[in-house]
N, C-alpha and C. Protein backbone atom coordinates (compact mmCIF):
# COMPACT_ATOMS: atom_id res chain seq x y z
N GLN A 1 0.83 -1.21 0.00
CA GLN A 1 0.00 0.00 0.00
C GLN A 1 0.87 1.26 0.00
N SER A 2 1.93 1.22 0.77
CA SER A 2 2.81 2.39 0.85
C SER A 2 3.44 2.70 -0.50
N HIS A 3 3.91 1.67 -1.19
CA HIS A 3 4.54 1.86 -2.50
C HIS A 3 3.53 2.40 -3.51
N ALA A 4 2.38 1.75 -3.58
CA ALA A 4 1.32 2.19 -4.50
C ALA A 4 0.89 3.62 -4.16
N GLY A 5 0.80 3.90 -2.88
CA GLY A 5 0.41 5.24 -2.45
C GLY A 5 1.40 6.30 -2.92
N LYS A 6 2.68 5.97 -2.85
CA LYS A 6 3.71 6.92 -3.28
C LYS A 6 3.62 7.17 -4.78
N VAL A 7 3.36 6.13 -5.54
CA VAL A 7 3.23 6.27 -6.99
C VAL A 7 2.05 7.16 -7.34
N VAL A 8 0.91 6.91 -6.71
CA VAL A 8 -0.28 7.71 -6.96
C VAL A 8 -0.07 9.15 -6.48
N LEU A 9 0.53 9.29 -5.31
CA LEU A 9 0.79 10.62 -4.77
C LEU A 9 1.70 11.41 -5.71
N ARG A 10 2.72 10.75 -6.25
CA ARG A 10 3.64 11.39 -7.17
C ARG A 10 2.90 11.88 -8.42
N SER A 11 2.07 11.01 -8.97
CA SER A 11 1.30 11.35 -10.17
C SER A 11 0.36 12.53 -9.89
N TRP A 12 -0.32 12.47 -8.75
CA TRP A 12 -1.25 13.53 -8.38
C TRP A 12 -0.50 14.82 -8.08
N TYR A 13 0.63 14.68 -7.40
CA TYR A 13 1.45 15.85 -7.05
C TYR A 13 1.96 16.57 -8.30
N GLU A 14 2.37 15.81 -9.31
CA GLU A 14 2.87 16.41 -10.55
C GLU A 14 1.82 17.32 -11.19
N LYS A 15 0.54 16.95 -11.03
CA LYS A 15 -0.55 17.75 -11.60
C LYS A 15 -0.93 18.93 -10.71
N ASN A 16 -0.61 18.83 -9.43
CA ASN A 16 -1.07 19.84 -8.48
C ASN A 16 0.06 20.56 -7.74
N LYS A 17 1.30 20.36 -8.19
CA LYS A 17 2.44 20.96 -7.49
C LYS A 17 2.39 22.49 -7.50
N HIS A 18 1.66 23.06 -8.43
CA HIS A 18 1.52 24.51 -8.44
C HIS A 18 0.61 24.99 -7.30
N ILE A 19 -0.17 24.07 -6.73
CA ILE A 19 -1.06 24.40 -5.62
C ILE A 19 -0.36 24.16 -4.28
N PHE A 20 0.35 23.03 -4.19
CA PHE A 20 1.02 22.66 -2.95
C PHE A 20 2.53 22.81 -3.07
N PRO A 21 3.15 23.58 -2.19
CA PRO A 21 4.61 23.72 -2.19
C PRO A 21 5.31 22.38 -1.95
N ALA A 22 6.42 22.16 -2.63
CA ALA A 22 7.15 20.89 -2.51
C ALA A 22 7.53 20.59 -1.06
N SER A 23 7.86 21.62 -0.30
CA SER A 23 8.29 21.43 1.08
C SER A 23 7.22 20.74 1.93
N ARG A 24 5.97 20.91 1.53
CA ARG A 24 4.86 20.31 2.27
C ARG A 24 4.86 18.80 2.13
N TRP A 25 5.37 18.30 1.03
CA TRP A 25 5.31 16.85 0.75
C TRP A 25 6.57 16.11 1.20
N GLU A 26 7.61 16.81 1.61
CA GLU A 26 8.85 16.14 1.97
C GLU A 26 8.72 15.15 3.13
N PRO A 27 8.14 15.55 4.27
CA PRO A 27 7.92 14.55 5.32
C PRO A 27 6.74 13.67 4.95
N TYR A 28 7.02 12.46 4.48
CA TYR A 28 5.96 11.56 4.02
C TYR A 28 5.26 10.92 5.21
N ASP A 29 4.05 11.37 5.48
CA ASP A 29 3.28 10.86 6.60
C ASP A 29 1.92 10.40 6.10
N PRO A 30 1.80 9.10 5.79
CA PRO A 30 0.56 8.56 5.21
C PRO A 30 -0.69 8.90 6.02
N GLU A 31 -0.62 8.82 7.34
CA GLU A 31 -1.80 9.07 8.16
C GLU A 31 -2.31 10.49 8.00
N LYS A 32 -1.41 11.45 7.91
CA LYS A 32 -1.83 12.84 7.77
C LYS A 32 -2.19 13.19 6.33
N ARG A 33 -1.46 12.61 5.37
CA ARG A 33 -1.71 12.94 3.97
C ARG A 33 -2.97 12.28 3.44
N TRP A 34 -3.10 10.98 3.71
CA TRP A 34 -4.20 10.22 3.12
C TRP A 34 -5.54 10.53 3.77
N ASP A 35 -5.56 11.26 4.87
CA ASP A 35 -6.83 11.52 5.50
C ASP A 35 -7.71 12.42 4.68
N LYS A 36 -7.13 13.18 3.79
CA LYS A 36 -7.99 13.93 2.88
C LYS A 36 -7.79 13.54 1.41
N TYR A 37 -6.88 12.61 1.16
CA TYR A 37 -6.68 12.10 -0.20
C TYR A 37 -6.53 10.59 -0.14
N THR A 38 -7.55 9.88 -0.58
CA THR A 38 -7.53 8.42 -0.49
C THR A 38 -7.35 7.78 -1.86
N VAL A 39 -6.73 6.61 -1.87
CA VAL A 39 -6.49 5.88 -3.11
C VAL A 39 -7.72 5.05 -3.46
């Protein structure tokens, strides 16, 4: 799940990186990130 999540997150991030600063995504915390973005 973690690997698949990172792949999906990367794909989604590439489309939305203009909205979210890169620094926000550096600490990878699935519990905090996935609570508003689910696979």
